[in-house]
């Protein structure tokens, strides 16, 4: 693979991650509203504790997401410098750093999906089933 193709592949991957993180921002906003709403059966055992646990998990997830977004921006800047300074992608340090970031981002996406699935699974069990009486 030519170095120009490598640079474009890295650039595309970084843009894809940024796009997915933007989608996650929207999802987290919705899930936080859900967790803070009054749509759950109030008689559910340990409801408050479970909702608080989810809120804390999302707060930690959000911190990790923000750290990764900063790393992605750093990678973009570095990649821009590589493509301006040389026509050859011989910066093996960049490649290794990008691979590490790819692993971190992949791990984050997996962890985030698990938290989201747990919330949706729990919410599906404890949402109010009846329409409130007027």
N, C-alpha and C. Protein backbone atom coordinates (compact mmCIF):
# COMPACT_ATOMS: atom_id res chain seq x y z
N UNK A 1 0.86 -1.18 0.00
CA UNK A 1 0.00 0.00 0.00
C UNK A 1 0.90 1.24 0.00
N UNK A 2 0.56 2.17 -0.84
CA UNK A 2 1.38 3.39 -0.90
C UNK A 2 1.17 4.23 0.35
N UNK A 3 2.15 5.09 0.62
CA UNK A 3 2.06 5.93 1.81
C UNK A 3 0.90 6.91 1.71
N UNK A 4 0.58 7.36 0.48
CA UNK A 4 -0.56 8.28 0.31
C UNK A 4 -1.87 7.57 0.66
N UNK A 5 -1.97 6.30 0.25
CA UNK A 5 -3.17 5.53 0.60
C UNK A 5 -3.27 5.32 2.10
N UNK A 6 -2.13 5.06 2.73
CA UNK A 6 -2.12 4.88 4.18
C UNK A 6 -2.62 6.14 4.89
N UNK A 7 -2.13 7.28 4.47
CA UNK A 7 -2.55 8.54 5.07
C UNK A 7 -4.05 8.72 4.90
N UNK A 8 -4.55 8.44 3.71
CA UNK A 8 -5.99 8.58 3.46
C UNK A 8 -6.80 7.58 4.29
N UNK A 9 -6.29 6.37 4.43
CA UNK A 9 -6.98 5.37 5.26
C UNK A 9 -7.04 5.82 6.71
N UNK A 10 -5.92 6.33 7.21
CA UNK A 10 -5.90 6.83 8.59
C UNK A 10 -6.88 8.00 8.74
N UNK A 11 -6.84 8.91 7.79
CA UNK A 11 -7.72 10.08 7.84
C UNK A 11 -9.19 9.64 7.83
N UNK A 12 -9.53 8.70 6.97
CA UNK A 12 -10.90 8.19 6.89
C UNK A 12 -11.31 7.55 8.21
N UNK A 13 -10.43 6.75 8.78
CA UNK A 13 -10.75 6.09 10.05
C UNK A 13 -10.98 7.11 11.16
N UNK A 14 -10.14 8.13 11.23
CA UNK A 14 -10.31 9.18 12.24
C UNK A 14 -11.64 9.89 12.06
N UNK A 15 -12.01 10.17 10.83
CA UNK A 15 -13.30 10.84 10.57
C UNK A 15 -14.47 9.94 10.96
N UNK A 16 -14.35 8.66 10.68
CA UNK A 16 -15.40 7.71 11.05
C UNK A 16 -15.57 7.66 12.58
N UNK A 17 -14.48 7.65 13.30
CA UNK A 17 -14.56 7.65 14.76
C UNK A 17 -15.23 8.92 15.26
N UNK A 18 -14.82 10.06 14.71
CA UNK A 18 -15.41 11.33 15.13
C UNK A 18 -16.91 11.34 14.88
N UNK A 19 -17.33 10.81 13.76
CA UNK A 19 -18.74 10.75 13.42
C UNK A 19 -19.49 9.86 14.42
N UNK A 20 -18.91 8.72 14.74
CA UNK A 20 -19.56 7.81 15.69
C UNK A 20 -19.62 8.43 17.08
N UNK A 21 -18.59 9.13 17.48
CA UNK A 21 -18.62 9.80 18.78
C UNK A 21 -19.72 10.87 18.81
N UNK A 22 -19.94 11.55 17.70
CA UNK A 22 -21.03 12.54 17.64
C UNK A 22 -22.38 11.85 17.83
N UNK A 23 -22.54 10.70 17.21
CA UNK A 23 -23.76 9.92 17.38
C UNK A 23 -23.92 9.49 18.84
N UNK A 24 -22.82 9.06 19.46
CA UNK A 24 -22.86 8.66 20.87
C UNK A 24 -23.25 9.84 21.75
N UNK A 25 -22.75 11.05 21.44
CA UNK A 25 -23.16 12.24 22.19
C UNK A 25 -24.68 12.39 22.20
N UNK A 26 -25.28 12.21 21.03
CA UNK A 26 -26.74 12.32 20.92
C UNK A 26 -27.44 11.21 21.71
N UNK A 27 -26.91 10.01 21.63
CA UNK A 27 -27.49 8.89 22.38
C UNK A 27 -27.39 9.13 23.88
N UNK A 28 -26.23 9.57 24.33
CA UNK A 28 -26.04 9.80 25.76
C UNK A 28 -27.01 10.88 26.25
N UNK A 29 -27.21 11.91 25.46
CA UNK A 29 -28.16 12.96 25.83
C UNK A 29 -29.55 12.36 26.02
N UNK A 30 -29.97 11.52 25.10
CA UNK A 30 -31.28 10.87 25.21
C UNK A 30 -31.34 9.96 26.43
N UNK A 31 -30.31 9.14 26.63
CA UNK A 31 -30.32 8.19 27.74
C UNK A 31 -30.30 8.92 29.08
N UNK A 32 -29.57 10.01 29.18
CA UNK A 32 -29.56 10.78 30.43
C UNK A 32 -30.95 11.35 30.71
N UNK A 33 -31.63 11.83 29.68
CA UNK A 33 -33.00 12.32 29.87
C UNK A 33 -33.91 11.18 30.32
N UNK A 34 -33.73 10.02 29.73
CA UNK A 34 -34.52 8.85 30.12
C UNK A 34 -34.28 8.50 31.58
N UNK A 35 -33.01 8.46 31.98
CA UNK A 35 -32.68 8.08 33.36
C UNK A 35 -33.17 9.10 34.37
N UNK A 36 -33.31 10.35 33.95
CA UNK A 36 -33.78 11.40 34.86
C UNK A 36 -35.28 11.66 34.76
N UNK A 37 -35.97 10.86 33.98
CA UNK A 37 -37.41 11.07 33.79
C UNK A 37 -38.21 10.30 34.83
N UNK A 38 -39.51 10.42 34.73
CA UNK A 38 -40.41 9.74 35.67
C UNK A 38 -41.20 8.66 34.95
N UNK A 39 -40.56 7.94 34.05
CA UNK A 39 -41.26 6.92 33.28
C UNK A 39 -41.08 5.52 33.84
N UNK A 40 -40.43 5.42 34.99
CA UNK A 40 -40.19 4.11 35.57
C UNK A 40 -41.18 3.84 36.68
N UNK A 41 -41.52 2.57 36.85
CA UNK A 41 -42.41 2.17 37.93
C UNK A 41 -41.75 2.51 39.26
N UNK A 42 -42.38 3.37 40.05
CA UNK A 42 -41.74 3.78 41.31
C UNK A 42 -41.63 2.66 42.34
N UNK A 43 -42.40 1.60 42.18
CA UNK A 43 -42.36 0.50 43.15
C UNK A 43 -41.29 -0.54 42.83
N UNK A 44 -40.49 -0.30 41.80
CA UNK A 44 -39.43 -1.23 41.43
C UNK A 44 -38.37 -1.27 42.53
N UNK A 45 -38.04 -2.48 43.01
CA UNK A 45 -37.00 -2.58 44.05
C UNK A 45 -35.67 -2.02 43.56
N UNK A 46 -35.02 -1.25 44.40
CA UNK A 46 -33.70 -0.67 44.12
C UNK A 46 -33.66 0.20 42.87
N UNK A 47 -34.80 0.78 42.51
CA UNK A 47 -34.87 1.60 41.30
C UNK A 47 -33.89 2.77 41.36
N UNK A 48 -33.95 3.54 42.46
CA UNK A 48 -33.09 4.72 42.57
C UNK A 48 -31.62 4.34 42.49
N UNK A 49 -31.23 3.29 43.20
CA UNK A 49 -29.83 2.86 43.22
C UNK A 49 -29.37 2.43 41.83
N UNK A 50 -30.23 1.69 41.15
CA UNK A 50 -29.86 1.19 39.81
C UNK A 50 -29.73 2.35 38.82
N UNK A 51 -30.65 3.30 38.87
CA UNK A 51 -30.58 4.46 37.98
C UNK A 51 -29.31 5.28 38.27
N UNK A 52 -28.98 5.44 39.55
CA UNK A 52 -27.76 6.17 39.91
C UNK A 52 -26.52 5.45 39.40
N UNK A 53 -26.53 4.13 39.49
CA UNK A 53 -25.40 3.36 38.98
C UNK A 53 -25.23 3.60 37.48
N UNK A 54 -26.33 3.58 36.74
CA UNK A 54 -26.26 3.84 35.30
C UNK A 54 -25.74 5.25 35.03
N UNK A 55 -26.21 6.22 35.79
CA UNK A 55 -25.76 7.60 35.61
C UNK A 55 -24.25 7.70 35.82
N UNK A 56 -23.74 7.02 36.85
CA UNK A 56 -22.30 7.05 37.12
C UNK A 56 -21.51 6.37 36.01
N UNK A 57 -22.04 5.23 35.49
CA UNK A 57 -21.37 4.54 34.40
C UNK A 57 -21.30 5.42 33.16
N UNK A 58 -22.39 6.15 32.88
CA UNK A 58 -22.39 7.04 31.73
C UNK A 58 -21.45 8.23 31.94
N UNK A 59 -21.35 8.71 33.16
CA UNK A 59 -20.42 9.80 33.44
C UNK A 59 -18.97 9.35 33.19
N UNK A 60 -18.62 8.15 33.65
CA UNK A 60 -17.27 7.62 33.40
C UNK A 60 -17.05 7.40 31.91
N UNK A 61 -18.06 6.86 31.25
CA UNK A 61 -17.96 6.62 29.81
C UNK A 61 -17.76 7.94 29.06
N UNK A 62 -18.46 8.96 29.50
CA UNK A 62 -18.35 10.27 28.85
C UNK A 62 -16.94 10.85 29.03
N UNK A 63 -16.36 10.67 30.21
CA UNK A 63 -14.99 11.14 30.45
C UNK A 63 -14.00 10.43 29.53
N UNK A 64 -14.17 9.12 29.41
CA UNK A 64 -13.28 8.34 28.54
C UNK A 64 -13.47 8.78 27.09
N UNK A 65 -14.70 9.03 26.69
CA UNK A 65 -15.00 9.47 25.32
C UNK A 65 -14.30 10.79 25.04
N UNK A 66 -14.37 11.71 25.98
CA UNK A 66 -13.73 13.02 25.79
C UNK A 66 -12.21 12.88 25.68
N UNK A 67 -11.62 11.99 26.46
CA UNK A 67 -10.17 11.74 26.36
C UNK A 67 -9.82 11.20 24.98
N UNK A 68 -10.63 10.27 24.50
CA UNK A 68 -10.37 9.68 23.19
C UNK A 68 -10.56 10.71 22.08
N UNK A 69 -11.55 11.57 22.23
CA UNK A 69 -11.76 12.60 21.21
C UNK A 69 -10.55 13.53 21.13
N UNK A 70 -9.94 13.84 22.27
CA UNK A 70 -8.73 14.67 22.27
C UNK A 70 -7.58 13.94 21.56
N UNK A 71 -7.45 12.65 21.84
CA UNK A 71 -6.39 11.86 21.19
C UNK A 71 -6.62 11.81 19.68
N UNK A 72 -7.87 11.71 19.27
CA UNK A 72 -8.18 11.68 17.84
C UNK A 72 -7.77 13.00 17.19
N UNK A 73 -8.07 14.11 17.85
CA UNK A 73 -7.66 15.41 17.31
C UNK A 73 -6.14 15.53 17.21
N UNK A 74 -5.44 15.01 18.23
CA UNK A 74 -3.97 15.02 18.20
C UNK A 74 -3.46 14.18 17.02
N UNK A 75 -4.08 13.02 16.82
CA UNK A 75 -3.68 12.16 15.71
C UNK A 75 -3.92 12.86 14.37
N UNK A 76 -5.03 13.57 14.26
CA UNK A 76 -5.33 14.30 13.03
C UNK A 76 -4.27 15.36 12.76
N UNK A 77 -3.91 16.09 13.79
CA UNK A 77 -2.89 17.14 13.63
C UNK A 77 -1.56 16.53 13.21
N UNK A 78 -1.20 15.44 13.87
CA UNK A 78 0.06 14.77 13.54
C UNK A 78 0.01 14.23 12.12
N UNK A 79 -1.10 13.66 11.73
CA UNK A 79 -1.26 13.12 10.38
C UNK A 79 -1.16 14.24 9.35
N UNK A 80 -1.74 15.39 9.67
CA UNK A 80 -1.62 16.55 8.78
C UNK A 80 -0.18 16.97 8.61
N UNK A 81 0.57 16.93 9.68
CA UNK A 81 1.99 17.27 9.61
C UNK A 81 2.78 16.28 8.77
N UNK A 82 2.43 15.01 8.89
CA UNK A 82 3.12 13.98 8.11
C UNK A 82 2.84 14.19 6.62
N UNK A 83 1.58 14.43 6.28
CA UNK A 83 1.25 14.55 4.86
C UNK A 83 1.81 15.84 4.25
N UNK A 84 2.04 16.86 5.07
CA UNK A 84 2.63 18.10 4.55
C UNK A 84 4.14 18.01 4.42
N UNK A 85 4.77 17.28 5.33
CA UNK A 85 6.23 17.27 5.38
C UNK A 85 6.86 16.24 4.46
N UNK A 86 6.16 15.18 4.19
CA UNK A 86 6.78 14.11 3.40
C UNK A 86 5.73 13.41 2.56
N UNK A 87 6.17 12.88 1.47
CA UNK A 87 5.24 12.13 0.63
C UNK A 87 5.26 10.65 1.00
N UNK A 88 6.19 10.28 1.86
CA UNK A 88 6.29 8.88 2.26
C UNK A 88 5.77 8.70 3.68
N UNK A 89 4.98 7.66 3.87
CA UNK A 89 4.44 7.35 5.20
C UNK A 89 5.43 6.41 5.88
N UNK A 90 6.57 6.95 6.25
CA UNK A 90 7.58 6.12 6.89
C UNK A 90 7.64 6.36 8.40
N UNK A 91 6.66 7.03 8.90
CA UNK A 91 6.61 7.34 10.33
C UNK A 91 5.99 6.15 11.07
N UNK A 92 6.83 5.15 11.38
CA UNK A 92 6.33 3.96 12.06
C UNK A 92 5.81 4.30 13.45
N UNK A 93 6.34 5.34 14.05
CA UNK A 93 5.82 5.78 15.35
C UNK A 93 4.36 6.17 15.24
N UNK A 94 4.02 6.88 14.17
CA UNK A 94 2.62 7.26 13.97
C UNK A 94 1.76 6.02 13.79
N UNK A 95 2.23 5.08 12.99
CA UNK A 95 1.44 3.86 12.75
C UNK A 95 1.18 3.10 14.04
N UNK A 96 2.21 2.98 14.88
CA UNK A 96 2.03 2.27 16.15
C UNK A 96 1.06 3.03 17.05
N UNK A 97 1.21 4.35 17.09
CA UNK A 97 0.32 5.17 17.91
C UNK A 97 -1.12 5.05 17.41
N UNK A 98 -1.29 5.04 16.10
CA UNK A 98 -2.63 4.91 15.53
C UNK A 98 -3.23 3.54 15.88
N UNK A 99 -2.42 2.51 15.82
CA UNK A 99 -2.91 1.17 16.17
C UNK A 99 -3.34 1.11 17.63
N UNK A 100 -2.57 1.75 18.51
CA UNK A 100 -2.95 1.78 19.93
C UNK A 100 -4.26 2.53 20.11
N UNK A 101 -4.39 3.64 19.40
CA UNK A 101 -5.63 4.42 19.49
C UNK A 101 -6.80 3.61 18.93
N UNK A 102 -6.58 2.89 17.84
CA UNK A 102 -7.63 2.04 17.26
C UNK A 102 -8.11 1.02 18.31
N UNK A 103 -7.16 0.43 19.04
CA UNK A 103 -7.53 -0.54 20.08
C UNK A 103 -8.32 0.13 21.20
N UNK A 104 -7.87 1.31 21.62
CA UNK A 104 -8.58 2.04 22.68
C UNK A 104 -10.00 2.41 22.25
N UNK A 105 -10.12 2.91 21.03
CA UNK A 105 -11.43 3.30 20.52
C UNK A 105 -12.33 2.08 20.40
N UNK A 106 -11.80 1.00 19.89
CA UNK A 106 -12.58 -0.24 19.78
C UNK A 106 -13.05 -0.74 21.14
N UNK A 107 -12.16 -0.67 22.13
CA UNK A 107 -12.52 -1.08 23.49
C UNK A 107 -13.62 -0.17 24.03
N UNK A 108 -13.48 1.14 23.80
CA UNK A 108 -14.49 2.08 24.27
C UNK A 108 -15.85 1.78 23.63
N UNK A 109 -15.86 1.58 22.32
CA UNK A 109 -17.12 1.31 21.64
C UNK A 109 -17.79 0.06 22.20
N UNK A 110 -17.00 -0.98 22.47
CA UNK A 110 -17.56 -2.20 23.07
C UNK A 110 -18.11 -1.97 24.46
N UNK A 111 -17.36 -1.24 25.29
CA UNK A 111 -17.81 -0.94 26.65
C UNK A 111 -19.07 -0.09 26.62
N UNK A 112 -19.10 0.90 25.74
CA UNK A 112 -20.26 1.79 25.63
C UNK A 112 -21.50 0.99 25.20
N UNK A 113 -21.33 0.10 24.24
CA UNK A 113 -22.47 -0.71 23.77
C UNK A 113 -23.03 -1.57 24.90
N UNK A 114 -22.14 -2.08 25.75
CA UNK A 114 -22.60 -2.90 26.88
C UNK A 114 -23.41 -2.07 27.87
N UNK A 115 -22.91 -0.89 28.22
CA UNK A 115 -23.63 -0.01 29.14
C UNK A 115 -25.00 0.34 28.56
N UNK A 116 -25.02 0.70 27.29
CA UNK A 116 -26.27 1.08 26.64
C UNK A 116 -27.25 -0.09 26.63
N UNK A 117 -26.77 -1.28 26.30
CA UNK A 117 -27.63 -2.46 26.29
C UNK A 117 -28.18 -2.75 27.68
N UNK A 118 -27.35 -2.57 28.71
CA UNK A 118 -27.81 -2.78 30.10
C UNK A 118 -28.93 -1.81 30.45
N UNK A 119 -28.76 -0.53 30.08
CA UNK A 119 -29.78 0.47 30.37
C UNK A 119 -31.08 0.14 29.65
N UNK A 120 -30.98 -0.15 28.36
CA UNK A 120 -32.19 -0.45 27.59
C UNK A 120 -32.87 -1.71 28.10
N UNK A 121 -32.08 -2.72 28.45
CA UNK A 121 -32.66 -3.94 28.99
C UNK A 121 -33.39 -3.68 30.30
N UNK A 122 -32.76 -2.92 31.17
CA UNK A 122 -33.38 -2.60 32.46
C UNK A 122 -34.61 -1.72 32.27
N UNK A 123 -34.48 -0.70 31.44
CA UNK A 123 -35.60 0.22 31.22
C UNK A 123 -36.80 -0.53 30.65
N UNK A 124 -36.55 -1.46 29.77
CA UNK A 124 -37.65 -2.23 29.19
C UNK A 124 -38.42 -3.02 30.22
N UNK A 125 -37.76 -3.37 31.31
CA UNK A 125 -38.42 -4.14 32.36
C UNK A 125 -39.19 -3.26 33.34
N UNK A 126 -38.77 -2.02 33.54
CA UNK A 126 -39.35 -1.22 34.61
C UNK A 126 -40.07 0.05 34.13
N UNK A 127 -40.27 0.18 32.83
CA UNK A 127 -41.05 1.33 32.35
C UNK A 127 -42.49 1.18 32.81
N UNK A 128 -43.14 2.29 33.06
CA UNK A 128 -44.55 2.26 33.42
C UNK A 128 -45.33 1.63 32.28
N UNK A 129 -46.24 0.75 32.62
CA UNK A 129 -46.97 0.02 31.60
C UNK A 129 -48.32 0.64 31.28
N UNK A 130 -48.84 1.44 32.20
CA UNK A 130 -50.17 2.01 32.02
C UNK A 130 -50.08 3.49 31.77
N UNK A 131 -51.10 3.94 31.10
CA UNK A 131 -51.24 5.37 30.91
C UNK A 131 -51.72 5.96 32.23
N UNK A 132 -51.16 7.09 32.67
CA UNK A 132 -51.62 7.67 33.93
C UNK A 132 -53.07 8.13 33.84
N UNK A 133 -53.77 8.00 34.95
CA UNK A 133 -55.17 8.43 35.00
C UNK A 133 -55.22 9.94 35.16
N UNK A 134 -56.03 10.61 34.35
CA UNK A 134 -56.14 12.07 34.43
C UNK A 134 -56.98 12.50 35.57
